[in-house]
Each structure stands twice: as structure tokens, then as C-alpha cells.
Amino acid sequence: MTILKEREKSTMQRVLESLNRRTTLSDSDLQTFSQLEKGFEGEQRFDQFVIEFVDDDYLVINDLLLIINGTTIQIDSLLITGQEIYMYEIKNFKGEYMNSPNYLKTFSGEEILNPVNQLNRTVVVFRQLLKQWQVRMELMSAVIYVNPQFTLYKAEETDNIILPTALPYHLIGLNRKRRPLTRDHHTLAERLLKAHQSEFSFQKKRSVYDYESLRKGLTCVKCGSFELLVNEKNVRCHTCKAIKPLNETVLANVEEFRIIFPNDKVTTEKMENWCGKQVSNKRIWLILRNKYKKVGKTRGSHYL
């Protein structure tokens, strides 16, 4: 199995994760953050199943974002085999649900849209792309429920769903009908990766947070804690006990600033303040100079 595109946290999740450390999120952002975290955890759980049960002759592309004939689709995981393409929509729902054609319903009366419908729309659009590219492989699809504490009642075999207990058997079953990959399969994967779109244009709107209201200071690269011991070379985290190079920690915090405030300029003075003045102005300047491109020569110079 070859993973051609690793799974990563979305920019929105990273932004809200950073903001959650430095301020109190609005109710809507907190809800979005919780949903993104649970979704990512579910996707990682699925990835572990794939690593454990799928053999080598597969190409895996995660988090694929495509615009096809003006329609945007997002594919959680795509497996290209020597015979078929498998498209998966991954859900990390927890609890007991009743299944119906249009929605899932909890016993408390909460309703959510049925993920099968979302998947079917994605399949229709993706088939258009395969037709345009003259790819004559069969496309299989399924909604994967990965949480072991999920139960779905009234599920039908025709619903293209795979429940947690059935996932290992499904993946093992793929190995039984394995065929060798050819150059055409690799070419298809390369074209899909090239067609992948940046997520920035499709991020959900979030509340606006003022720079001055956010907590300043270095945070741990590993766990995000502010409880750090900083010296000239390293940063030691009191929370998770990780020890990281000072330069690496500063750069991670600079990148955190850049994703929260993509339109703001990165300057030595501002990064010194952002890092809670735990690192000297001169050291910040050296780190920025070695990593980024400097724009301007006056006091108002900044880094890209």
C-alpha cells in the first residue's frame, strides 16, 4: 500500500485549535472545532484499519478536494486498486441512530442528514471526471462508520454503509480480489493529486478575533501547553515533558500566527510580542531571516 497523500488537519481545525489555546472561542466556533476534531479522529481511526488490513498493491489518497464542472467535492479517502476505485465517506458518530432515506435520527429526536446522500452526490460528480479522463474503472463507494460505540438501526444492504464491526472484513475482502497496479493506475493517481485544490478558498467562516485579545507566549510544539522552560537552545515542556529546539518552537509559533492572521505582516517586533517576549528580538530576527524572505529594508520590513 502506498499513501500518496497523507491525512492532515485542515487549516480551519488548526486555526481553531490555536485560538482555543489563546482565547475563549465563540459558541459557533467551539461547535465547529469539536466537529472537526471528532471527524479527524475518526479519519485517523480509519487510516489505522487500512494500514493494518490492506495489502501493498493499493494507492491511497486522503482528503482530496476537487472542482469538477464547477462543482466542489471532498473525498475523505480514495483507494485505487488494480481493478476498482473505492471512495469512502468517513463518519465518527457515536450513539444509537435510526436509519431513513434522508436522515439519521437519534432516540431523543435529533436529526442529521444521511451521509449516504452526500456520498451519492460526490459519486455522481466524480464519475463525470472519470468519463472526461476516459478512465474505465468501476467506482465503488461506501459510508464508513468507525466509532465502535455507534449503532444504526434499520440499515439496508443497499445503503452502501459499512459499520464498525464489518470494516476489517471489508478491507480484508479487498485483498482477495487484488490485481497488480499498472502505469495507468499511477497516472490516474498523479492526475488526481495535480487536480487537488487548496482548502483555503473553501474554509467555513469563523468569528473574528482581535490580535490584542489573544494570549501571547510560546506554546509547546507537541501538546500546545504554555508551561515551558525556555533557554538559549531548547524549550522544555512541563506538561508533556517534550524537549524541542528553540528555533523549531519559535517557527511553529510564527506559523501559528500566519494561519490565524493570514493578512497580517510578520515582523520581528510583532513575533517577539506574539512569543510573549520569551525570546530576544535579535534571536527572533535571526530565525525569521534564515527561514523567510525579507521584504523591505527600512523599519517597516516584514517576512514572507
C-alpha atoms as a PDB file:
ATOM      1  CA  MET A   1       0.000   0.000   0.000  1.00  0.00           C
ATOM      2  CA  THR A   2       1.334   3.398  -0.982  1.00  0.00           C
ATOM      3  CA  ILE A   3      -0.115   6.506   0.666  1.00  0.00           C
ATOM      4  CA  LEU A   4       0.263   9.242  -1.942  1.00  0.00           C
ATOM      5  CA  LYS A   5      -1.404  11.959   0.121  1.00  0.00           C
ATOM      6  CA  GLU A   6      -1.178  11.846   3.900  1.00  0.00           C
ATOM      7  CA  ARG A   7      -4.052  12.978   6.024  1.00  0.00           C
ATOM      8  CA  GLU A   8      -3.559  16.338   7.737  1.00  0.00           C
ATOM      9  CA  LYS A   9      -5.606  18.600   9.947  1.00  0.00           C
ATOM     10  CA  SER A  10      -7.472  21.186   7.907  1.00  0.00           C
ATOM     11  CA  THR A  11      -6.418  24.815   8.178  1.00  0.00           C
ATOM     12  CA  MET A  12      -9.697  25.591   9.910  1.00  0.00           C
ATOM     13  CA  GLN A  13      -9.051  22.932  12.544  1.00  0.00           C
ATOM     14  CA  ARG A  14      -5.503  24.202  13.101  1.00  0.00           C
ATOM     15  CA  VAL A  15      -6.718  27.804  13.406  1.00  0.00           C
ATOM     16  CA  LEU A  16      -9.438  26.950  15.913  1.00  0.00           C
ATOM     17  CA  GLU A  17      -7.041  24.696  17.817  1.00  0.00           C
ATOM     18  CA  SER A  18      -4.631  27.611  18.190  1.00  0.00           C
ATOM     19  CA  LEU A  19      -7.351  30.103  19.083  1.00  0.00           C
ATOM     20  CA  ASN A  20      -8.771  27.710  21.657  1.00  0.00           C
ATOM     21  CA  ARG A  21      -5.446  27.859  23.484  1.00  0.00           C
ATOM     22  CA  ARG A  22      -5.215  31.631  23.390  1.00  0.00           C
ATOM     23  CA  THR A  23      -8.789  32.813  23.957  1.00  0.00           C
ATOM     24  CA  THR A  24     -12.366  31.702  24.600  1.00  0.00           C
ATOM     25  CA  LEU A  25     -13.998  30.552  21.376  1.00  0.00           C
ATOM     26  CA  SER A  26     -17.458  31.707  20.399  1.00  0.00           C
ATOM     27  CA  ASP A  27     -20.190  29.083  20.751  1.00  0.00           C
ATOM     28  CA  SER A  28     -20.372  28.535  16.977  1.00  0.00           C
ATOM     29  CA  ASP A  29     -16.585  28.203  16.639  1.00  0.00           C
ATOM     30  CA  LEU A  30     -16.437  25.850  19.611  1.00  0.00           C
ATOM     31  CA  GLN A  31     -19.069  23.644  17.990  1.00  0.00           C
ATOM     32  CA  THR A  32     -17.206  23.704  14.666  1.00  0.00           C
ATOM     33  CA  PHE A  33     -13.932  22.894  16.415  1.00  0.00           C
ATOM     34  CA  SER A  34     -15.492  19.952  18.236  1.00  0.00           C
ATOM     35  CA  GLN A  35     -16.948  18.579  14.994  1.00  0.00           C
ATOM     36  CA  LEU A  36     -13.622  18.941  13.185  1.00  0.00           C
ATOM     37  CA  GLU A  37     -11.724  17.215  15.990  1.00  0.00           C
ATOM     38  CA  LYS A  38     -14.153  14.293  16.117  1.00  0.00           C
ATOM     39  CA  GLY A  39     -14.106  13.977  12.334  1.00  0.00           C
ATOM     40  CA  PHE A  40     -10.311  13.965  12.207  1.00  0.00           C
ATOM     41  CA  GLU A  41     -10.108  11.378  14.994  1.00  0.00           C
ATOM     42  CA  GLY A  42     -12.481   9.164  13.008  1.00  0.00           C
ATOM     43  CA  GLU A  43     -10.442   9.532   9.848  1.00  0.00           C
ATOM     44  CA  GLN A  44      -7.265   8.624  11.728  1.00  0.00           C
ATOM     45  CA  ARG A  45      -9.020   5.538  13.114  1.00  0.00           C
ATOM     46  CA  PHE A  46      -9.965   4.508   9.584  1.00  0.00           C
ATOM     47  CA  ASP A  47      -6.364   5.053   8.443  1.00  0.00           C
ATOM     48  CA  GLN A  48      -5.151   2.638  11.118  1.00  0.00           C
ATOM     49  CA  PHE A  49      -7.562  -0.007   9.850  1.00  0.00           C
ATOM     50  CA  VAL A  50      -6.259   0.488   6.306  1.00  0.00           C
ATOM     51  CA  ILE A  51      -2.646   0.172   7.447  1.00  0.00           C
ATOM     52  CA  GLU A  52      -3.452  -2.975   9.421  1.00  0.00           C
ATOM     53  CA  PHE A  53      -5.629  -4.853   6.944  1.00  0.00           C
ATOM     54  CA  VAL A  54      -4.856  -3.652   3.403  1.00  0.00           C
ATOM     55  CA  ASP A  55      -2.032  -5.254   1.404  1.00  0.00           C
ATOM     56  CA  ASP A  56       0.625  -3.477  -0.635  1.00  0.00           C
ATOM     57  CA  ASP A  57      -0.932  -3.251  -4.120  1.00  0.00           C
ATOM     58  CA  TYR A  58      -3.065  -0.159  -3.456  1.00  0.00           C
ATOM     59  CA  LEU A  59      -2.716   3.592  -3.901  1.00  0.00           C
ATOM     60  CA  VAL A  60      -4.275   5.720  -1.170  1.00  0.00           C
ATOM     61  CA  ILE A  61      -5.206   9.405  -1.474  1.00  0.00           C
ATOM     62  CA  ASN A  62      -6.648  11.159   1.570  1.00  0.00           C
ATOM     63  CA  ASP A  63      -8.565  14.444   1.838  1.00  0.00           C
ATOM     64  CA  LEU A  64      -8.959  15.029  -1.878  1.00  0.00           C
ATOM     65  CA  LEU A  65     -10.635  18.310  -2.820  1.00  0.00           C
ATOM     66  CA  LEU A  66     -11.705  18.664  -6.457  1.00  0.00           C
ATOM     67  CA  ILE A  67     -13.661  21.102  -8.614  1.00  0.00           C
ATOM     68  CA  ILE A  68     -15.403  19.213 -11.411  1.00  0.00           C
ATOM     69  CA  ASN A  69     -17.545  21.091 -13.916  1.00  0.00           C
ATOM     70  CA  GLY A  70     -17.971  23.904 -11.399  1.00  0.00           C
ATOM     71  CA  THR A  71     -18.942  21.601  -8.513  1.00  0.00           C
ATOM     72  CA  THR A  72     -16.699  21.166  -5.479  1.00  0.00           C
ATOM     73  CA  ILE A  73     -16.418  17.718  -3.896  1.00  0.00           C
ATOM     74  CA  GLN A  74     -14.357  16.461  -0.975  1.00  0.00           C
ATOM     75  CA  ILE A  75     -13.333  12.818  -0.684  1.00  0.00           C
ATOM     76  CA  ASP A  76     -12.196  11.558   2.714  1.00  0.00           C
ATOM     77  CA  SER A  77     -10.308   8.557   1.321  1.00  0.00           C
ATOM     78  CA  LEU A  78      -9.794   7.119  -2.142  1.00  0.00           C
ATOM     79  CA  LEU A  79      -8.251   3.686  -2.751  1.00  0.00           C
ATOM     80  CA  ILE A  80      -7.080   2.831  -6.248  1.00  0.00           C
ATOM     81  CA  THR A  81      -6.692  -0.884  -6.850  1.00  0.00           C
ATOM     82  CA  GLY A  82      -5.758  -2.853  -9.924  1.00  0.00           C
ATOM     83  CA  GLN A  83      -9.420  -3.483 -10.606  1.00  0.00           C
ATOM     84  CA  GLU A  84     -11.584  -0.826  -8.947  1.00  0.00           C
ATOM     85  CA  ILE A  85     -11.636   2.581  -7.260  1.00  0.00           C
ATOM     86  CA  TYR A  86     -13.037   2.756  -3.742  1.00  0.00           C
ATOM     87  CA  MET A  87     -14.409   6.037  -2.411  1.00  0.00           C
ATOM     88  CA  TYR A  88     -15.073   6.363   1.309  1.00  0.00           C
ATOM     89  CA  GLU A  89     -17.010   8.915   3.346  1.00  0.00           C
ATOM     90  CA  ILE A  90     -15.868   8.509   6.973  1.00  0.00           C
ATOM     91  CA  LYS A  91     -18.086   9.296   9.931  1.00  0.00           C
ATOM     92  CA  ASN A  92     -17.235   9.191  13.630  1.00  0.00           C
ATOM     93  CA  PHE A  93     -20.779   9.309  15.001  1.00  0.00           C
ATOM     94  CA  LYS A  94     -21.397   7.946  18.492  1.00  0.00           C
ATOM     95  CA  GLY A  95     -24.656   6.616  19.890  1.00  0.00           C
ATOM     96  CA  GLU A  96     -27.793   4.923  18.598  1.00  0.00           C
ATOM     97  CA  TYR A  97     -29.460   6.095  15.385  1.00  0.00           C
ATOM     98  CA  MET A  98     -32.442   5.109  13.294  1.00  0.00           C
ATOM     99  CA  ASN A  99     -31.778   4.969   9.570  1.00  0.00           C
ATOM    100  CA  SER A 100     -34.057   6.512   6.930  1.00  0.00           C
ATOM    101  CA  PRO A 101     -33.513   7.560   3.297  1.00  0.00           C
ATOM    102  CA  ASN A 102     -32.991  11.248   4.051  1.00  0.00           C
ATOM    103  CA  TYR A 103     -31.712  11.466   7.598  1.00  0.00           C
ATOM    104  CA  LEU A 104     -30.483   9.649  10.686  1.00  0.00           C
ATOM    105  CA  LYS A 105     -32.471  10.157  13.875  1.00  0.00           C
ATOM    106  CA  THR A 106     -31.492   9.644  17.499  1.00  0.00           C
ATOM    107  CA  PHE A 107     -33.947   8.306  20.066  1.00  0.00           C
ATOM    108  CA  SER A 108     -34.004  11.796  21.597  1.00  0.00           C
ATOM    109  CA  GLY A 109     -35.352  13.157  18.294  1.00  0.00           C
ATOM    110  CA  GLU A 110     -32.209  14.809  16.916  1.00  0.00           C
ATOM    111  CA  GLU A 111     -31.944  14.558  13.136  1.00  0.00           C
ATOM    112  CA  ILE A 112     -28.890  14.764  10.878  1.00  0.00           C
ATOM    113  CA  LEU A 113     -28.672  14.456   7.125  1.00  0.00           C
ATOM    114  CA  ASN A 114     -27.989  10.941   5.931  1.00  0.00           C
ATOM    115  CA  PRO A 115     -24.315  10.767   4.843  1.00  0.00           C
ATOM    116  CA  VAL A 116     -25.246   8.294   2.110  1.00  0.00           C
ATOM    117  CA  ASN A 117     -26.956  11.104   0.189  1.00  0.00           C
ATOM    118  CA  GLN A 118     -23.833  13.274   0.416  1.00  0.00           C
ATOM    119  CA  LEU A 119     -21.717  10.367  -0.792  1.00  0.00           C
ATOM    120  CA  ASN A 120     -24.052   9.647  -3.717  1.00  0.00           C
ATOM    121  CA  ARG A 121     -23.762  13.260  -4.913  1.00  0.00           C
ATOM    122  CA  THR A 122     -19.986  13.035  -4.706  1.00  0.00           C
ATOM    123  CA  VAL A 123     -20.017   9.782  -6.686  1.00  0.00           C
ATOM    124  CA  VAL A 124     -22.102  11.307  -9.483  1.00  0.00           C
ATOM    125  CA  VAL A 125     -19.715  14.249  -9.868  1.00  0.00           C
ATOM    126  CA  PHE A 126     -16.585  12.099  -9.630  1.00  0.00           C
ATOM    127  CA  ARG A 127     -17.897   9.772 -12.344  1.00  0.00           C
ATOM    128  CA  GLN A 128     -18.094  12.801 -14.630  1.00  0.00           C
ATOM    129  CA  LEU A 129     -14.373  13.332 -14.131  1.00  0.00           C
ATOM    130  CA  LEU A 130     -13.565   9.684 -14.819  1.00  0.00           C
ATOM    131  CA  LYS A 131     -15.591   9.875 -18.025  1.00  0.00           C
ATOM    132  CA  GLN A 132     -13.782  13.039 -19.124  1.00  0.00           C
ATOM    133  CA  TRP A 133     -10.439  11.345 -18.485  1.00  0.00           C
ATOM    134  CA  GLN A 134     -11.630   8.162 -20.227  1.00  0.00           C
ATOM    135  CA  VAL A 135     -10.975   6.049 -17.141  1.00  0.00           C
ATOM    136  CA  ARG A 136     -12.941   2.815 -17.401  1.00  0.00           C
ATOM    137  CA  MET A 137     -12.600   1.506 -13.873  1.00  0.00           C
ATOM    138  CA  GLU A 138     -15.533   0.564 -11.711  1.00  0.00           C
ATOM    139  CA  LEU A 139     -16.193   3.034  -8.896  1.00  0.00           C
ATOM    140  CA  MET A 140     -17.291   1.590  -5.567  1.00  0.00           C
ATOM    141  CA  SER A 141     -18.369   3.736  -2.633  1.00  0.00           C
ATOM    142  CA  ALA A 142     -19.409   3.433   0.987  1.00  0.00           C
ATOM    143  CA  VAL A 143     -20.038   5.443   4.132  1.00  0.00           C
ATOM    144  CA  ILE A 144     -17.721   4.114   6.827  1.00  0.00           C
ATOM    145  CA  TYR A 145     -18.862   4.384  10.445  1.00  0.00           C
ATOM    146  CA  VAL A 146     -15.707   3.920  12.503  1.00  0.00           C
ATOM    147  CA  ASN A 147     -16.774   4.562  16.084  1.00  0.00           C
ATOM    148  CA  PRO A 148     -17.237   1.269  17.965  1.00  0.00           C
ATOM    149  CA  GLN A 149     -19.910   2.971  20.113  1.00  0.00           C
ATOM    150  CA  PHE A 150     -22.122   3.606  17.076  1.00  0.00           C
ATOM    151  CA  THR A 151     -25.282   1.610  16.354  1.00  0.00           C
ATOM    152  CA  LEU A 152     -27.531   2.039  13.327  1.00  0.00           C
ATOM    153  CA  TYR A 153     -30.992   0.501  13.215  1.00  0.00           C
ATOM    154  CA  LYS A 154     -32.971  -0.297  10.061  1.00  0.00           C
ATOM    155  CA  ALA A 155     -29.890  -0.232   7.859  1.00  0.00           C
ATOM    156  CA  GLU A 156     -30.332  -1.828   4.450  1.00  0.00           C
ATOM    157  CA  GLU A 157     -27.651  -3.647   2.439  1.00  0.00           C
ATOM    158  CA  THR A 158     -28.371  -1.317  -0.471  1.00  0.00           C
ATOM    159  CA  ASP A 159     -27.424   1.743   1.593  1.00  0.00           C
ATOM    160  CA  ASN A 160     -23.678   1.426   0.875  1.00  0.00           C
ATOM    161  CA  ILE A 161     -22.705   1.609   4.526  1.00  0.00           C
ATOM    162  CA  ILE A 162     -20.055  -0.263   6.489  1.00  0.00           C
ATOM    163  CA  LEU A 163     -20.477  -0.486  10.253  1.00  0.00           C
ATOM    164  CA  PRO A 164     -17.521  -0.606  12.695  1.00  0.00           C
ATOM    165  CA  THR A 165     -17.572  -4.372  13.215  1.00  0.00           C
ATOM    166  CA  ALA A 166     -17.673  -5.027   9.459  1.00  0.00           C
ATOM    167  CA  LEU A 167     -14.799  -2.714   8.487  1.00  0.00           C
ATOM    168  CA  PRO A 168     -11.926  -5.209   8.997  1.00  0.00           C
ATOM    169  CA  TYR A 169     -13.761  -7.853   6.943  1.00  0.00           C
ATOM    170  CA  HIS A 170     -14.422  -5.341   4.167  1.00  0.00           C
ATOM    171  CA  LEU A 171     -10.757  -4.364   3.918  1.00  0.00           C
ATOM    172  CA  ILE A 172      -9.553  -7.960   4.093  1.00  0.00           C
ATOM    173  CA  GLY A 173     -12.009  -8.741   1.309  1.00  0.00           C
ATOM    174  CA  LEU A 174     -10.308  -6.219  -0.949  1.00  0.00           C
ATOM    175  CA  ASN A 175      -7.101  -8.220  -0.728  1.00  0.00           C
ATOM    176  CA  ARG A 176      -8.782 -11.363  -2.031  1.00  0.00           C
ATOM    177  CA  LYS A 177      -9.569  -9.788  -5.415  1.00  0.00           C
ATOM    178  CA  ARG A 178      -6.306  -7.942  -5.790  1.00  0.00           C
ATOM    179  CA  ARG A 179      -4.819  -7.327  -9.232  1.00  0.00           C
ATOM    180  CA  PRO A 180      -1.428  -5.742  -9.991  1.00  0.00           C
ATOM    181  CA  LEU A 181      -1.278  -1.999 -10.464  1.00  0.00           C
ATOM    182  CA  THR A 182      -0.231  -0.720 -13.878  1.00  0.00           C
ATOM    183  CA  ARG A 183       1.198   2.540 -15.136  1.00  0.00           C
ATOM    184  CA  ASP A 184      -2.368   3.685 -15.932  1.00  0.00           C
ATOM    185  CA  HIS A 185      -3.314   3.436 -12.261  1.00  0.00           C
ATOM    186  CA  HIS A 186      -0.317   5.529 -11.226  1.00  0.00           C
ATOM    187  CA  THR A 187      -1.092   8.064 -13.962  1.00  0.00           C
ATOM    188  CA  LEU A 188      -4.664   8.396 -12.667  1.00  0.00           C
ATOM    189  CA  ALA A 189      -3.394   8.969  -9.128  1.00  0.00           C
ATOM    190  CA  GLU A 190      -0.926  11.607 -10.345  1.00  0.00           C
ATOM    191  CA  ARG A 191      -3.677  13.440 -12.239  1.00  0.00           C
ATOM    192  CA  LEU A 192      -5.922  13.446  -9.182  1.00  0.00           C
ATOM    193  CA  LEU A 193      -3.149  14.833  -6.988  1.00  0.00           C
ATOM    194  CA  LYS A 194      -2.460  17.541  -9.549  1.00  0.00           C
ATOM    195  CA  ALA A 195      -6.181  18.439  -9.657  1.00  0.00           C
ATOM    196  CA  HIS A 196      -6.383  18.708  -5.852  1.00  0.00           C
ATOM    197  CA  GLN A 197      -7.432  22.176  -4.760  1.00  0.00           C
ATOM    198  CA  SER A 198      -6.143  24.281  -1.889  1.00  0.00           C
ATOM    199  CA  GLU A 199      -8.569  24.268   1.007  1.00  0.00           C
ATOM    200  CA  PHE A 200      -8.205  27.989   1.759  1.00  0.00           C
ATOM    201  CA  SER A 201     -10.967  29.005  -0.622  1.00  0.00           C
ATOM    202  CA  PHE A 202     -13.422  26.591   0.980  1.00  0.00           C
ATOM    203  CA  GLN A 203     -12.928  27.251   4.673  1.00  0.00           C
ATOM    204  CA  LYS A 204     -16.025  27.827   6.766  1.00  0.00           C
ATOM    205  CA  LYS A 205     -16.462  31.331   8.085  1.00  0.00           C
ATOM    206  CA  ARG A 206     -15.375  31.861  11.658  1.00  0.00           C
ATOM    207  CA  SER A 207     -15.666  34.646  14.178  1.00  0.00           C
ATOM    208  CA  VAL A 208     -13.106  37.426  14.007  1.00  0.00           C
ATOM    209  CA  TYR A 209     -10.659  37.523  16.906  1.00  0.00           C
ATOM    210  CA  ASP A 210      -8.632  40.622  17.736  1.00  0.00           C
ATOM    211  CA  TYR A 211      -4.868  40.164  17.990  1.00  0.00           C
ATOM    212  CA  GLU A 212      -4.659  42.148  21.219  1.00  0.00           C
ATOM    213  CA  SER A 213      -7.223  39.928  22.940  1.00  0.00           C
ATOM    214  CA  LEU A 214      -5.265  36.716  22.389  1.00  0.00           C
ATOM    215  CA  ARG A 215      -2.904  35.274  24.968  1.00  0.00           C
ATOM    216  CA  LYS A 216       0.732  35.770  23.980  1.00  0.00           C
ATOM    217  CA  GLY A 217       3.581  33.374  24.608  1.00  0.00           C
ATOM    218  CA  LEU A 218       5.365  30.345  23.200  1.00  0.00           C
ATOM    219  CA  THR A 219       3.384  27.122  23.126  1.00  0.00           C
ATOM    220  CA  CYS A 220       4.717  23.562  23.074  1.00  0.00           C
ATOM    221  CA  VAL A 221       5.124  22.099  19.591  1.00  0.00           C
ATOM    222  CA  LYS A 222       3.865  18.726  20.819  1.00  0.00           C
ATOM    223  CA  CYS A 223       0.962  19.456  23.185  1.00  0.00           C
ATOM    224  CA  GLY A 224       0.274  23.198  22.893  1.00  0.00           C
ATOM    225  CA  SER A 225       0.964  23.992  26.549  1.00  0.00           C
ATOM    226  CA  PHE A 226       2.202  27.433  27.656  1.00  0.00           C
ATOM    227  CA  GLU A 227       4.058  25.847  30.596  1.00  0.00           C
ATOM    228  CA  LEU A 228       7.540  25.998  29.101  1.00  0.00           C
ATOM    229  CA  LEU A 229      11.093  26.429  30.325  1.00  0.00           C
ATOM    230  CA  VAL A 230      12.999  28.379  27.663  1.00  0.00           C
ATOM    231  CA  ASN A 231      16.775  28.607  27.361  1.00  0.00           C
ATOM    232  CA  GLU A 232      19.162  29.618  24.607  1.00  0.00           C
ATOM    233  CA  LYS A 233      18.964  26.278  22.789  1.00  0.00           C
ATOM    234  CA  ASN A 234      15.918  24.306  23.859  1.00  0.00           C
ATOM    235  CA  VAL A 235      12.374  24.530  25.136  1.00  0.00           C
ATOM    236  CA  ARG A 236      11.254  22.069  27.805  1.00  0.00           C
ATOM    237  CA  CYS A 237       7.527  21.489  28.330  1.00  0.00           C
ATOM    238  CA  HIS A 238       6.416  20.983  31.923  1.00  0.00           C
ATOM    239  CA  THR A 239       3.143  19.411  30.746  1.00  0.00           C
ATOM    240  CA  CYS A 240       4.233  16.672  28.316  1.00  0.00           C
ATOM    241  CA  LYS A 241       7.979  16.712  29.148  1.00  0.00           C
ATOM    242  CA  ALA A 242       8.934  17.182  25.487  1.00  0.00           C
ATOM    243  CA  ILE A 243      12.216  18.933  24.717  1.00  0.00           C
ATOM    244  CA  LYS A 244      12.358  20.792  21.395  1.00  0.00           C
ATOM    245  CA  PRO A 245      14.922  23.123  19.805  1.00  0.00           C
ATOM    246  CA  LEU A 246      14.165  26.795  20.455  1.00  0.00           C
ATOM    247  CA  ASN A 247      14.279  27.673  16.750  1.00  0.00           C
ATOM    248  CA  GLU A 248      11.757  24.929  15.907  1.00  0.00           C
ATOM    249  CA  THR A 249       9.401  26.139  18.623  1.00  0.00           C
ATOM    250  CA  VAL A 250       9.624  29.769  17.533  1.00  0.00           C
ATOM    251  CA  LEU A 251       8.963  28.859  13.895  1.00  0.00           C
ATOM    252  CA  ALA A 252       5.941  26.734  14.883  1.00  0.00           C
ATOM    253  CA  ASN A 253       4.524  29.702  16.773  1.00  0.00           C
ATOM    254  CA  VAL A 254       5.215  32.031  13.837  1.00  0.00           C
ATOM    255  CA  GLU A 255       3.336  29.644  11.553  1.00  0.00           C
ATOM    256  CA  GLU A 256       0.507  29.619  14.078  1.00  0.00           C
ATOM    257  CA  PHE A 257       0.310  33.408  13.787  1.00  0.00           C
ATOM    258  CA  ARG A 258       0.360  33.200   9.990  1.00  0.00           C
ATOM    259  CA  ILE A 259      -2.625  30.846   9.768  1.00  0.00           C
ATOM    260  CA  ILE A 260      -4.679  32.830  12.311  1.00  0.00           C
ATOM    261  CA  PHE A 261      -3.869  36.181  10.702  1.00  0.00           C
ATOM    262  CA  PRO A 262      -3.014  35.393   7.050  1.00  0.00           C
ATOM    263  CA  ASN A 263      -3.342  39.049   6.013  1.00  0.00           C
ATOM    264  CA  ASP A 264      -1.105  40.485   8.757  1.00  0.00           C
ATOM    265  CA  LYS A 265       2.577  41.166   8.235  1.00  0.00           C
ATOM    266  CA  VAL A 266       5.171  39.074  10.032  1.00  0.00           C
ATOM    267  CA  THR A 267       7.677  41.459  11.600  1.00  0.00           C
ATOM    268  CA  THR A 268      10.407  40.929  14.165  1.00  0.00           C
ATOM    269  CA  GLU A 269       8.694  43.153  16.709  1.00  0.00           C
ATOM    270  CA  LYS A 270       5.310  41.516  16.297  1.00  0.00           C
ATOM    271  CA  MET A 271       6.738  37.992  16.560  1.00  0.00           C
ATOM    272  CA  GLU A 272       8.666  38.995  19.661  1.00  0.00           C
ATOM    273  CA  ASN A 273       5.361  40.118  21.182  1.00  0.00           C
ATOM    274  CA  TRP A 274       3.488  37.054  19.866  1.00  0.00           C
ATOM    275  CA  CYS A 275       6.034  34.801  21.589  1.00  0.00           C
ATOM    276  CA  GLY A 276       5.430  36.628  24.866  1.00  0.00           C
ATOM    277  CA  LYS A 277       8.868  38.251  24.777  1.00  0.00           C
ATOM    278  CA  GLN A 278      10.327  34.950  25.909  1.00  0.00           C
ATOM    279  CA  VAL A 279      12.851  35.168  23.073  1.00  0.00           C
ATOM    280  CA  SER A 280      15.068  38.165  22.374  1.00  0.00           C
ATOM    281  CA  ASN A 281      14.398  40.492  19.465  1.00  0.00           C
ATOM    282  CA  LYS A 282      17.766  39.596  17.947  1.00  0.00           C
ATOM    283  CA  ARG A 283      17.103  35.859  18.125  1.00  0.00           C
ATOM    284  CA  ILE A 284      13.673  36.327  16.514  1.00  0.00           C
ATOM    285  CA  TRP A 285      15.288  38.381  13.760  1.00  0.00           C
ATOM    286  CA  LEU A 286      17.883  35.672  13.069  1.00  0.00           C
ATOM    287  CA  ILE A 287      15.242  32.942  12.954  1.00  0.00           C
ATOM    288  CA  LEU A 288      12.996  34.891  10.582  1.00  0.00           C
ATOM    289  CA  ARG A 289      15.908  35.897   8.349  1.00  0.00           C
ATOM    290  CA  ASN A 290      17.023  32.286   7.931  1.00  0.00           C
ATOM    291  CA  LYS A 291      13.555  30.911   7.220  1.00  0.00           C
ATOM    292  CA  TYR A 292      11.615  33.562   5.311  1.00  0.00           C
ATOM    293  CA  LYS A 293      12.126  36.082   2.560  1.00  0.00           C
ATOM    294  CA  LYS A 294      12.610  39.624   3.805  1.00  0.00           C
ATOM    295  CA  VAL A 295      10.611  42.379   2.109  1.00  0.00           C
ATOM    296  CA  GLY A 296      11.819  45.955   2.539  1.00  0.00           C
ATOM    297  CA  LYS A 297      14.935  47.416   4.090  1.00  0.00           C
ATOM    298  CA  THR A 298      13.507  50.011   6.435  1.00  0.00           C
ATOM    299  CA  ARG A 299      11.993  49.700   9.894  1.00  0.00           C
ATOM    300  CA  GLY A 300       8.731  48.577   8.283  1.00  0.00           C
ATOM    301  CA  SER A 301      10.295  45.487   6.683  1.00  0.00           C
ATOM    302  CA  HIS A 302       8.477  42.166   7.039  1.00  0.00           C
ATOM    303  CA  TYR A 303       8.853  38.496   6.082  1.00  0.00           C
ATOM    304  CA  LEU A 304       7.050  36.229   3.632  1.00  0.00           C
END
